[in-house]
Protein backbone atom coordinates (compact mmCIF):
# COMPACT_ATOMS: atom_id res chain seq x y z
CA UNK A 1 -60.86 9.44 -29.50
CA UNK A 2 -57.93 7.33 -28.13
CA UNK A 3 -58.21 3.60 -28.72
CA UNK A 4 -57.60 1.04 -25.99
CA UNK A 5 -54.50 -0.30 -27.61
CA UNK A 6 -51.14 1.13 -26.42
CA UNK A 7 -48.83 -1.07 -28.36
CA UNK A 8 -46.58 -0.04 -31.26
CA UNK A 9 -47.20 -2.19 -34.33
CA UNK A 10 -44.68 -5.07 -34.78
CA UNK A 11 -43.07 -3.54 -37.88
CA UNK A 12 -41.75 -0.63 -35.75
CA UNK A 13 -39.29 -2.89 -34.02
CA UNK A 14 -37.28 -3.14 -37.20
CA UNK A 15 -36.28 0.48 -36.89
CA UNK A 16 -34.55 -0.04 -33.58
CA UNK A 17 -31.63 -1.27 -35.61
CA UNK A 18 -32.05 1.03 -38.63
CA UNK A 19 -28.45 1.98 -39.47
CA UNK A 20 -29.17 5.38 -41.09
CA UNK A 21 -29.93 7.16 -37.78
CA UNK A 22 -28.27 7.25 -34.27
CA UNK A 23 -28.44 4.00 -32.26
CA UNK A 24 -29.38 4.39 -28.67
CA UNK A 25 -30.53 2.52 -25.59
CA UNK A 26 -32.93 3.62 -23.04
CA UNK A 27 -32.65 2.59 -19.42
CA UNK A 28 -35.47 3.09 -16.94
CA UNK A 29 -34.65 5.88 -14.58
CA UNK A 30 -32.00 7.56 -16.64
CA UNK A 31 -32.13 11.31 -17.46
CA UNK A 32 -33.37 12.40 -19.83
CA UNK A 33 -35.94 9.69 -20.32
CA UNK A 34 -35.92 8.28 -23.86
CA UNK A 35 -38.21 5.25 -23.89
CA UNK A 36 -37.72 2.60 -26.54
CA UNK A 37 -41.13 2.80 -28.08
CA UNK A 38 -40.72 6.53 -28.71
CA UNK A 39 -37.23 6.05 -30.21
CA UNK A 40 -38.59 3.26 -32.42
CA UNK A 41 -41.45 5.45 -33.68
CA UNK A 42 -39.12 8.40 -34.45
CA UNK A 43 -36.64 6.20 -36.32
CA UNK A 44 -39.43 4.53 -38.23
CA UNK A 45 -40.76 7.89 -39.30
CA UNK A 46 -37.37 9.23 -40.23
CA UNK A 47 -36.78 6.15 -42.43
CA UNK A 48 -40.15 6.61 -44.08
CA UNK A 49 -39.30 10.19 -44.98
CA UNK A 50 -35.72 9.67 -46.28
CA UNK A 51 -32.87 7.21 -46.59
CA UNK A 52 -30.44 9.96 -45.68
CA UNK A 53 -30.98 13.38 -44.11
CA UNK A 54 -30.12 16.37 -46.27
CA UNK A 55 -27.73 18.93 -44.82
CA UNK A 56 -30.10 21.75 -45.63
CA UNK A 57 -33.52 22.35 -47.20
CA UNK A 58 -35.24 25.25 -48.96
CA UNK A 59 -38.96 25.27 -49.69
CA UNK A 60 -41.04 27.98 -51.30
CA UNK A 61 -44.85 28.34 -51.77
CA UNK A 62 -47.85 30.43 -51.03
CA UNK A 63 -49.37 31.28 -47.59
CA UNK A 64 -52.72 32.64 -46.44
CA UNK A 65 -53.05 33.99 -42.87
CA UNK A 66 -56.36 34.51 -41.16
CA UNK A 67 -56.21 36.62 -37.98
CA UNK A 68 -59.65 37.52 -36.67
CA UNK A 69 -61.54 39.40 -39.38
CA UNK A 70 -58.34 40.10 -41.35
CA UNK A 71 -56.98 37.90 -44.13
CA UNK A 72 -53.45 38.33 -45.58
CA UNK A 73 -51.59 36.34 -48.29
CA UNK A 74 -48.33 36.13 -50.10
CA UNK A 75 -45.34 33.88 -50.51
CA UNK A 76 -43.33 31.86 -47.99
CA UNK A 77 -39.78 30.50 -47.89
CA UNK A 78 -38.94 27.77 -45.38
CA UNK A 79 -35.25 26.98 -44.62
CA UNK A 80 -33.45 24.39 -42.48
CA UNK A 81 -29.79 23.85 -41.95
CA UNK A 82 -28.09 21.18 -39.82
CA UNK A 83 -29.86 20.26 -36.66
CA UNK A 84 -30.51 23.65 -35.02
CA UNK A 85 -31.17 26.30 -37.69
CA UNK A 86 -34.53 27.14 -39.17
CA UNK A 87 -36.11 30.14 -40.89
CA UNK A 88 -39.65 30.89 -41.95
CA UNK A 89 -39.84 34.03 -44.04
CA UNK A 90 -43.05 35.52 -45.55
CA UNK A 91 -43.64 38.34 -48.02
CA UNK A 92 -47.25 39.41 -47.50
CA UNK A 93 -49.52 42.13 -48.84
CA UNK A 94 -49.22 43.74 -45.38
CA UNK A 95 -45.44 43.49 -45.34
CA UNK A 96 -42.63 41.15 -44.24
CA UNK A 97 -42.77 38.54 -41.47
CA UNK A 98 -40.05 36.15 -40.41
CA UNK A 99 -39.08 33.86 -37.58
CA UNK A 100 -35.47 32.79 -37.53
CA UNK A 101 -34.13 30.25 -35.04
CA UNK A 102 -30.51 29.41 -34.48
CA UNK A 103 -28.96 27.24 -31.70
CA UNK A 104 -31.61 28.11 -29.14
CA UNK A 105 -31.94 31.83 -29.89
CA UNK A 106 -34.55 33.48 -32.13
CA UNK A 107 -35.54 36.65 -34.00
CA UNK A 108 -39.11 37.61 -34.87
CA UNK A 109 -39.71 40.17 -37.63
CA UNK A 110 -43.00 41.94 -38.37
CA UNK A 111 -42.73 44.65 -41.03
CA UNK A 112 -39.71 46.81 -40.13
CA UNK A 113 -39.77 45.76 -36.46
CA UNK A 114 -37.37 43.09 -35.28
CA UNK A 115 -37.24 41.59 -31.83
CA UNK A 116 -35.38 38.91 -29.96
CA UNK A 117 -38.09 37.14 -27.89
CA UNK A 118 -37.46 35.81 -24.33
CA UNK A 119 -35.94 32.41 -24.09
CA UNK A 120 -39.31 30.97 -23.08
CA UNK A 121 -40.67 31.82 -26.55
CA UNK A 122 -37.43 31.13 -28.37
CA UNK A 123 -37.58 27.44 -27.62
CA UNK A 124 -40.91 27.21 -29.53
CA UNK A 125 -39.64 29.35 -32.46
CA UNK A 126 -37.97 26.41 -34.14
CA UNK A 127 -39.87 26.03 -37.42
CA UNK A 128 -42.02 22.81 -37.46
CA UNK A 129 -42.87 22.91 -41.18
CA UNK A 130 -40.38 20.22 -42.33
CA UNK A 131 -41.08 17.15 -40.24
CA UNK A 132 -37.98 15.25 -41.14
CA UNK A 133 -35.89 18.09 -39.59
CA UNK A 134 -38.02 17.96 -36.44
CA UNK A 135 -37.76 14.16 -36.04
CA UNK A 136 -34.02 13.90 -36.67
CA UNK A 137 -33.30 16.87 -34.44
CA UNK A 138 -35.07 15.04 -31.61
CA UNK A 139 -33.16 11.86 -32.25
CA UNK A 140 -29.78 13.63 -32.49
CA UNK A 141 -30.14 15.77 -29.41
CA UNK A 142 -29.00 13.74 -26.30
CA UNK A 143 -30.89 16.19 -24.07
CA UNK A 144 -34.22 15.38 -25.73
CA UNK A 145 -36.64 13.46 -23.59
CA UNK A 146 -39.01 11.13 -25.48
CA UNK A 147 -42.20 9.41 -24.30
CA UNK A 148 -44.48 7.11 -26.27
CA UNK A 149 -48.04 8.19 -25.33
CA UNK A 150 -50.06 5.54 -27.19
CA UNK A 151 -52.16 4.50 -30.19
CA UNK A 152 -54.88 6.89 -31.03
CA UNK A 153 -57.36 7.91 -33.77
CA UNK A 154 -56.81 11.27 -35.51
CA UNK A 155 -59.51 12.37 -37.93
CA UNK A 156 -60.39 8.78 -38.58
CA UNK A 157 -56.78 7.64 -39.09
CA UNK A 158 -54.84 5.31 -36.78
CA UNK A 159 -51.84 7.19 -35.38
CA UNK A 160 -48.98 6.72 -32.85
CA UNK A 161 -48.58 9.61 -30.39
CA UNK A 162 -45.11 10.59 -29.14
CA UNK A 163 -44.22 13.44 -26.81
CA UNK A 164 -40.82 15.13 -26.73
CA UNK A 165 -39.20 17.96 -24.80
CA UNK A 166 -35.65 19.31 -24.36
CA UNK A 167 -34.57 18.45 -20.86
CA UNK A 168 -31.48 20.71 -21.06
CA UNK A 169 -29.75 18.01 -18.99
CA UNK A 170 -26.32 19.16 -20.17
CA UNK A 171 -27.17 22.87 -19.55
CA UNK A 172 -28.44 23.13 -15.98
CA UNK A 173 -29.01 26.89 -16.08
CA UNK A 174 -31.52 26.41 -18.85
CA UNK A 175 -33.44 23.49 -17.37
CA UNK A 176 -36.26 25.87 -16.38
CA UNK A 177 -37.08 26.10 -20.11
CA UNK A 178 -37.88 22.40 -20.42
CA UNK A 179 -41.64 22.74 -19.99
CA UNK A 180 -41.71 25.43 -22.76
CA UNK A 181 -40.19 23.12 -25.34
CA UNK A 182 -42.71 20.33 -25.23
CA UNK A 183 -43.96 19.01 -28.61
CA UNK A 184 -46.53 16.27 -29.34
CA UNK A 185 -46.25 14.42 -32.66
CA UNK A 186 -48.81 12.05 -34.22
CA UNK A 187 -47.47 9.55 -36.88
CA UNK A 188 -49.65 7.66 -39.33
CA UNK A 189 -49.50 4.02 -38.15
CA UNK A 190 -49.34 2.63 -41.71
CA UNK A 191 -46.87 4.99 -43.38
CA UNK A 192 -44.92 6.41 -40.42
CA UNK A 193 -45.31 9.89 -41.82
CA UNK A 194 -46.04 12.70 -39.27
CA UNK A 195 -49.61 14.00 -39.60
CA UNK A 196 -49.69 16.55 -36.79
CA UNK A 197 -47.31 18.45 -34.43
CA UNK A 198 -48.69 20.38 -31.48
CA UNK A 199 -47.05 22.70 -28.96
CA UNK A 200 -47.78 25.74 -26.86
CA UNK A 201 -46.30 29.23 -26.84
CA UNK A 202 -45.86 30.83 -23.37
CA UNK A 203 -43.71 33.88 -22.67
CA UNK A 204 -43.08 33.30 -18.98
CA UNK A 205 -43.74 31.10 -16.01
CA UNK A 206 -46.60 31.60 -13.55
CA UNK A 207 -49.93 32.99 -14.71
CA UNK A 208 -48.74 33.71 -18.21
CA UNK A 209 -51.27 32.04 -20.58
CA UNK A 210 -50.23 29.23 -22.93
CA UNK A 211 -51.35 29.57 -26.49
CA UNK A 212 -51.75 26.20 -28.33
CA UNK A 213 -50.42 25.82 -31.85
CA UNK A 214 -51.32 22.83 -34.05
CA UNK A 215 -49.65 22.02 -37.36
CA UNK A 216 -51.25 19.47 -39.76
CA UNK A 217 -49.33 17.90 -42.67
CA UNK A 218 -50.73 16.35 -45.82
CA UNK A 219 -50.01 15.78 -49.54
CA UNK A 220 -46.53 14.35 -48.85
CA UNK A 221 -44.46 14.39 -52.09
CA UNK A 222 -41.18 12.66 -52.77
CA UNK A 223 -38.50 15.15 -53.87
CA UNK A 224 -35.11 13.63 -54.61
CA UNK A 225 -36.11 10.72 -52.31
CA UNK A 226 -37.26 12.92 -49.44
CA UNK A 227 -40.88 13.07 -48.40
CA UNK A 228 -41.99 16.70 -47.85
CA UNK A 229 -45.55 17.82 -46.96
CA UNK A 230 -46.79 20.05 -49.78
CA UNK A 231 -49.88 21.06 -47.70
CA UNK A 232 -49.40 22.55 -44.19
CA UNK A 233 -52.30 23.85 -42.15
CA UNK A 234 -51.83 25.61 -38.80
CA UNK A 235 -54.26 26.65 -36.07
CA UNK A 236 -53.51 29.21 -33.35
CA UNK A 237 -55.39 29.00 -30.03
CA UNK A 238 -57.87 26.60 -31.62
CA UNK A 239 -58.62 28.78 -34.66
CA UNK A 240 -57.53 28.12 -38.24
CA UNK A 241 -54.55 30.43 -38.87
CA UNK A 242 -52.15 29.58 -41.69
CA UNK A 243 -52.59 27.68 -44.92
CA UNK A 244 -49.34 26.89 -46.70
CA UNK A 245 -49.14 25.32 -50.20
CA UNK A 246 -45.55 24.28 -51.08
CA UNK A 247 -44.61 24.71 -54.73
CA UNK A 248 -40.83 23.82 -54.81
CA UNK A 249 -38.33 22.15 -52.55
CA UNK A 250 -34.56 21.88 -52.87
CA UNK A 251 -32.00 20.05 -50.71
CA UNK A 252 -28.24 20.38 -50.07
CA UNK A 253 -27.99 23.80 -51.69
CA UNK A 254 -25.15 25.07 -49.51
CA UNK A 255 -27.14 27.39 -47.16
CA UNK A 256 -24.78 29.29 -44.82
CA UNK A 257 -25.03 30.95 -41.38
CA UNK A 258 -25.82 34.15 -43.19
CA UNK A 259 -29.36 32.87 -43.79
CA UNK A 260 -29.95 32.42 -40.07
CA UNK A 261 -28.55 35.62 -38.53
CA UNK A 262 -30.49 36.65 -35.44
CA UNK A 263 -28.51 39.75 -34.43
């Protein structure tokens, strides 16, 4: 239930001048819209997660997937590199699965089948599992529109709600994809850590149904000064879907483009 307050806590204002992340101004009426409260919340969260952003990350753990009456399990590897490359690779009892995202394009793998999804789906294929990557990517992308929604209560915890989407302002031919890129993030008011990311997957405009995905983060653990959620729970279309337990995380390991090939 949303509370009546729509004000960011006073401590957030400090992060408007936090030197470790890009400094920006937001002017009413400019495109894309990047309101100051949203920028402040993202900076506060980034600062809570790390003093500096690693160039790449590699996390491994276990995953359980529930799809209808079927349950599958195995291991998972989550990779990020720079601001626009992610990979989520699973070795399951039923076979291999992967979603690889690189600079706006994506590849989805199930077993021996590999497909390049339409751009409408590609924009939602960027892996959300490492929240620091998500937050800093939003801050660093000048086309990213940011809106502070308000103060809310999430599972009994006070949170700050921010909505973001890629306006593609610098790429007019892709601006039709902007509605497909919307993400909502809820940040713990006390710690600044992201607790939930929500978005929808929709393959085309018109009557094509939108399938909601929710990602919940908990058990944040400091690894080399970076906060990483060691428990990740996902729902698909309102139903519990994936349970991920992280076991090991490494940063700045020298990942290359080869890890994120989509051809």
